[in-house]
Amino acid sequence: MPDSGSRGPENPIRVFLLDDHEVVRRGVRDLLGDEPDISVVGEAGTAEQALTRVPALRPDVAVLDVRLPDGSGVDVCRELRSRMPDLACLMLTSFDDEEALLDAVMAGASGYVLKLIQGGDLVAAVRTVASGKSLLDPSAAARLMSRLRGEDRDESAADALYGLTSRERDILALIGEGLTNREIGLRVFLAEKTVKNHISRVLAKLGVERRVQAAVIATQVSGAAEGRPAAAARAGLDGSGRADPDRYRGPGR
């Protein structure tokens, strides 16, 4: 990804907007369009539109709403990152939601900010993620770190693994690495549909409903083995709760 330091009117940061509210899209488009080093190259109001338009337009940054009428911006981020590893995804949401933050981090998002952000700060956030750096809302990141460091988590997470087969444990570990079903299938030589079936069984045995919850369990157990909060490490957060750019830009799930 090009360094934003070389950006300017001749080589602007190409941005795509995804939000189901036209007024929000127009406001963000006008805000970013006033900057000489930023160009809004496209927009969408649904996940389906974004998944079609973004690969064709090849933006540098995708600003994605988390909650959409036909899905989740986090799922859009995960799918786009699997197709376009250099794409920086900046999640923009009205909801201060720890689950959504963790989902976004595991999906490979480069940043997560609230819509309460000031206009100048949003412009700065776009430039930050375009340069290859990461950005998280500080208060949300601090709460996420507190949650990931919860006492007695390692023991309870390890207990949850007893009912898994060897194959299911391998797949759970790969979920913890943030891989997509397709990437897991390539790693363990299974069809994507077979991987999906395995993941459904893993979720049922662990007693969780969401993939990201399984990922947290996987990283907590790994963290106990590594002697460090691996969930934070793989989520791209250093010990202070700040994003670690070198880890944060791993492949999307």
Protein backbone atom coordinates (compact mmCIF):
# COMPACT_ATOMS: atom_id res chain seq x y z
CA MET A 1 0.00 0.00 0.00
CA PRO A 2 1.49 3.37 -0.95
CA ASP A 3 2.62 5.68 1.79
CA SER A 4 0.13 8.49 2.35
CA GLY A 5 3.10 10.84 2.59
CA SER A 6 3.34 10.70 -1.23
CA ARG A 7 -0.34 11.51 -1.66
CA GLY A 8 -1.66 14.68 -3.25
CA PRO A 9 -4.00 15.91 -5.98
CA GLU A 10 -2.08 13.88 -8.57
CA ASN A 11 -2.19 10.69 -6.50
CA PRO A 12 -5.12 10.91 -4.06
CA ILE A 13 -6.21 8.29 -1.54
CA ARG A 14 -9.05 6.40 -3.23
CA VAL A 15 -11.94 5.88 -0.80
CA PHE A 16 -15.14 3.81 -1.04
CA LEU A 17 -18.10 4.48 1.28
CA LEU A 18 -20.60 1.89 2.55
CA ASP A 19 -23.51 3.12 4.66
CA ASP A 20 -27.23 2.42 4.35
CA HIS A 21 -28.11 6.04 5.19
CA GLU A 22 -27.83 8.31 2.16
CA VAL A 23 -27.49 11.42 4.32
CA VAL A 24 -24.53 9.92 6.16
CA ARG A 25 -22.86 8.87 2.90
CA ARG A 26 -23.37 12.34 1.43
CA GLY A 27 -21.95 14.01 4.53
CA VAL A 28 -18.87 11.80 4.61
CA ARG A 29 -18.40 12.13 0.84
CA ASP A 30 -18.54 15.93 1.03
CA LEU A 31 -16.21 15.98 4.03
CA LEU A 32 -13.58 13.77 2.38
CA GLY A 33 -14.07 15.35 -1.04
CA ASP A 34 -12.94 18.71 0.31
CA GLU A 35 -9.47 17.25 0.92
CA PRO A 36 -7.03 17.58 -2.01
CA ASP A 37 -5.33 14.27 -1.24
CA ILE A 38 -8.56 12.21 -0.98
CA SER A 39 -10.96 11.10 -3.71
CA VAL A 40 -14.24 9.25 -3.07
CA VAL A 41 -14.41 6.80 -5.98
CA GLY A 42 -17.64 5.01 -5.13
CA GLU A 43 -20.31 4.25 -2.59
CA ALA A 44 -22.98 1.69 -1.69
CA GLY A 45 -25.94 1.32 0.63
CA THR A 46 -25.90 -2.48 1.00
CA ALA A 47 -23.37 -5.23 1.57
CA GLU A 48 -24.23 -6.83 -1.77
CA GLN A 49 -23.53 -3.61 -3.66
CA ALA A 50 -20.22 -3.12 -1.87
CA LEU A 51 -18.99 -6.64 -2.61
CA THR A 52 -19.65 -6.02 -6.30
CA ARG A 53 -18.36 -2.47 -6.62
CA VAL A 54 -15.26 -2.39 -4.42
CA PRO A 55 -13.23 -5.03 -6.34
CA ALA A 56 -14.04 -3.22 -9.59
CA LEU A 57 -13.04 0.22 -8.28
CA ARG A 58 -9.92 -0.88 -6.36
CA PRO A 59 -9.97 1.79 -3.62
CA ASP A 60 -7.18 2.20 -1.08
CA VAL A 61 -9.60 2.59 1.83
CA ALA A 62 -13.14 1.31 2.40
CA VAL A 63 -15.14 3.17 5.06
CA LEU A 64 -17.74 0.62 6.16
CA ASP A 65 -20.82 0.95 8.34
CA VAL A 66 -21.02 -1.98 10.78
CA ARG A 67 -24.79 -2.55 10.66
CA LEU A 68 -26.44 -2.91 7.26
CA PRO A 69 -29.91 -3.96 6.08
CA ASP A 70 -28.59 -7.06 4.33
CA GLY A 71 -25.69 -8.05 6.54
CA SER A 72 -22.73 -6.69 8.45
CA GLY A 73 -19.96 -4.34 7.45
CA VAL A 74 -17.64 -6.66 9.36
CA ASP A 75 -18.54 -9.53 7.03
CA VAL A 76 -17.99 -7.20 4.07
CA CYS A 77 -14.58 -6.30 5.50
CA ARG A 78 -13.66 -9.97 5.92
CA GLU A 79 -14.70 -10.87 2.37
CA LEU A 80 -13.06 -7.86 0.74
CA ARG A 81 -9.81 -8.42 2.65
CA SER A 82 -9.74 -12.03 1.48
CA ARG A 83 -9.94 -10.77 -2.12
CA MET A 84 -7.87 -7.59 -1.69
CA PRO A 85 -5.28 -7.99 1.10
CA ASP A 86 -3.94 -4.45 0.62
CA LEU A 87 -7.34 -2.83 1.16
CA ALA A 88 -7.59 -0.85 4.40
CA CYS A 89 -11.04 -1.10 6.01
CA LEU A 90 -12.15 1.62 8.42
CA MET A 91 -15.26 0.63 10.37
CA LEU A 92 -17.58 3.56 11.12
CA THR A 93 -20.47 2.92 13.49
CA SER A 94 -22.99 4.60 15.78
CA PHE A 95 -22.72 1.75 18.29
CA ASP A 96 -20.04 1.45 20.96
CA ASP A 97 -20.13 -2.35 20.79
CA GLU A 98 -17.28 -4.50 22.13
CA GLU A 99 -18.46 -7.56 20.17
CA ALA A 100 -18.49 -5.58 16.93
CA LEU A 101 -15.04 -4.21 17.70
CA LEU A 102 -13.63 -7.67 18.28
CA ASP A 103 -15.36 -8.96 15.16
CA ALA A 104 -13.86 -6.10 13.15
CA VAL A 105 -10.36 -6.67 14.49
CA MET A 106 -10.53 -10.39 13.75
CA ALA A 107 -11.82 -9.62 10.24
CA GLY A 108 -8.71 -7.58 9.52
CA ALA A 109 -10.10 -4.05 9.82
CA SER A 110 -7.47 -1.32 10.01
CA GLY A 111 -9.56 0.90 12.24
CA TYR A 112 -12.82 1.20 14.18
CA VAL A 113 -14.24 4.63 14.99
CA LEU A 114 -17.59 5.96 16.18
CA LYS A 115 -19.78 8.26 14.11
CA LEU A 116 -19.49 10.77 16.95
CA ILE A 117 -15.95 11.41 15.68
CA GLN A 118 -15.15 14.97 14.62
CA GLY A 119 -14.87 15.60 10.88
CA GLY A 120 -11.18 16.45 11.03
CA ASP A 121 -10.49 13.30 13.04
CA LEU A 122 -12.29 11.15 10.45
CA VAL A 123 -10.16 12.66 7.68
CA ALA A 124 -7.07 11.93 9.77
CA ALA A 125 -8.29 8.35 10.35
CA VAL A 126 -8.63 7.77 6.60
CA ARG A 127 -5.09 9.05 6.05
CA THR A 128 -3.80 6.90 8.91
CA VAL A 129 -5.21 3.61 7.61
CA ALA A 130 -4.27 4.52 4.03
CA SER A 131 -0.65 4.76 5.14
CA GLY A 132 -0.79 1.19 6.43
CA LYS A 133 -1.15 2.09 10.10
CA SER A 134 -3.96 0.99 12.41
CA LEU A 135 -6.44 2.95 14.42
CA LEU A 136 -8.96 2.02 17.12
CA ASP A 137 -11.30 4.12 19.19
CA PRO A 138 -9.23 4.41 22.43
CA SER A 139 -12.06 3.77 24.92
CA ALA A 140 -13.33 0.76 22.99
CA ALA A 141 -9.81 -0.67 22.69
CA ALA A 142 -9.25 -0.28 26.44
CA ARG A 143 -12.45 -2.17 27.26
CA LEU A 144 -11.58 -4.88 24.76
CA MET A 145 -8.18 -5.36 26.38
CA SER A 146 -9.83 -5.57 29.82
CA ARG A 147 -12.20 -8.22 28.55
CA LEU A 148 -9.46 -10.26 26.89
CA ARG A 149 -7.42 -10.17 30.11
CA GLY A 150 -10.31 -11.35 32.31
CA GLU A 151 -9.27 -13.49 35.25
CA ASP A 152 -9.77 -17.23 35.09
CA ARG A 153 -10.42 -17.10 31.33
CA ASP A 154 -7.53 -19.39 30.35
CA GLU A 155 -8.70 -22.29 32.54
CA SER A 156 -12.33 -22.07 31.44
CA ALA A 157 -11.29 -21.78 27.78
CA ALA A 158 -9.08 -24.84 28.06
CA ASP A 159 -11.94 -26.79 29.66
CA ALA A 160 -14.10 -26.00 26.64
CA LEU A 161 -11.74 -27.88 24.32
CA TYR A 162 -12.09 -31.32 25.90
CA GLY A 163 -14.98 -32.39 23.68
CA LEU A 164 -13.31 -31.47 20.39
CA THR A 165 -11.72 -33.95 18.03
CA SER A 166 -8.15 -33.42 16.82
CA ARG A 167 -9.45 -32.11 13.49
CA GLU A 168 -11.85 -29.72 15.23
CA ARG A 169 -9.04 -28.41 17.43
CA ASP A 170 -6.93 -27.73 14.34
CA ILE A 171 -9.78 -25.84 12.73
CA LEU A 172 -10.46 -23.90 15.93
CA ALA A 173 -6.80 -22.83 15.99
CA LEU A 174 -7.08 -21.58 12.42
CA ILE A 175 -10.25 -19.66 13.30
CA GLY A 176 -8.17 -18.02 16.02
CA GLU A 177 -5.66 -16.98 13.36
CA GLY A 178 -8.44 -15.12 11.55
CA LEU A 179 -8.60 -17.32 8.45
CA THR A 180 -11.63 -17.54 6.17
CA ASN A 181 -13.36 -20.89 5.54
CA ARG A 182 -11.66 -20.99 2.15
CA GLU A 183 -8.23 -20.37 3.67
CA ILE A 184 -8.82 -23.00 6.37
CA GLY A 185 -9.84 -25.50 3.69
CA LEU A 186 -6.61 -24.90 1.78
CA ARG A 187 -4.58 -25.28 4.97
CA VAL A 188 -6.15 -28.60 6.06
CA PHE A 189 -7.00 -29.93 2.57
CA LEU A 190 -10.77 -29.92 2.98
CA ALA A 191 -13.61 -28.55 0.86
CA GLU A 192 -14.98 -25.20 2.02
CA LYS A 193 -18.38 -26.78 2.69
CA THR A 194 -16.75 -29.45 4.87
CA VAL A 195 -14.92 -26.76 6.82
CA LYS A 196 -18.21 -24.94 7.37
CA ASN A 197 -19.75 -28.14 8.77
CA HIS A 198 -16.78 -28.65 11.10
CA ILE A 199 -17.08 -25.05 12.35
CA SER A 200 -20.79 -25.55 13.07
CA ARG A 201 -19.93 -28.58 15.22
CA VAL A 202 -17.13 -26.69 16.97
CA LEU A 203 -19.48 -23.84 17.87
CA ALA A 204 -22.07 -26.30 19.18
CA LYS A 205 -19.53 -28.16 21.33
CA LEU A 206 -18.10 -24.93 22.73
CA GLY A 207 -21.59 -23.68 23.52
CA VAL A 208 -21.20 -20.45 21.54
CA GLU A 209 -23.17 -19.02 18.65
CA ARG A 210 -20.68 -16.77 16.91
CA ARG A 211 -17.43 -17.50 15.14
CA VAL A 212 -15.64 -14.67 16.92
CA GLN A 213 -16.49 -16.20 20.30
CA ALA A 214 -14.74 -19.39 19.21
CA ALA A 215 -11.79 -17.29 18.05
CA VAL A 216 -11.51 -15.71 21.49
CA ILE A 217 -11.49 -19.17 23.12
CA ALA A 218 -8.79 -20.32 20.69
CA THR A 219 -6.59 -17.31 21.34
CA GLN A 220 -7.09 -17.47 25.11
CA VAL A 221 -5.87 -21.07 25.19
CA SER A 222 -2.96 -20.19 22.92
CA GLY A 223 -2.20 -17.21 25.15
CA ALA A 224 -1.88 -19.49 28.17
CA ALA A 225 0.60 -21.65 26.23
CA GLU A 226 2.59 -18.67 24.96
CA GLY A 227 2.64 -16.85 28.27
CA ARG A 228 1.06 -13.70 26.81
CA PRO A 229 -2.49 -12.55 25.97
CA ALA A 230 -2.48 -14.01 22.47
CA ALA A 231 -6.00 -12.85 21.76
CA ALA A 232 -4.73 -9.32 22.07
CA ALA A 233 -1.64 -10.12 20.01
CA ARG A 234 -3.62 -11.66 17.15
CA ALA A 235 -6.19 -8.92 17.36
CA GLY A 236 -3.37 -6.47 16.71
CA LEU A 237 -3.27 -4.86 20.16
CA ASP A 238 -0.14 -4.35 22.20
CA GLY A 239 0.02 -4.53 25.98
CA SER A 240 -1.17 -0.94 26.42
CA GLY A 241 -4.36 -1.43 24.39
CA ARG A 242 -2.95 0.38 21.35
CA ALA A 243 -2.95 -1.24 17.95
CA ASP A 244 0.25 -2.98 16.92
CA PRO A 245 0.62 -2.14 13.19
CA ASP A 246 2.95 -5.04 12.38
CA ARG A 247 0.45 -7.63 13.65
CA TYR A 248 -2.72 -5.78 12.79
CA ARG A 249 -2.30 -6.01 9.05
CA GLY A 250 -2.57 -9.79 8.87
CA PRO A 251 -4.78 -11.46 6.26
CA GLY A 252 -8.54 -11.05 6.68
CA ARG A 253 -10.65 -13.98 7.69
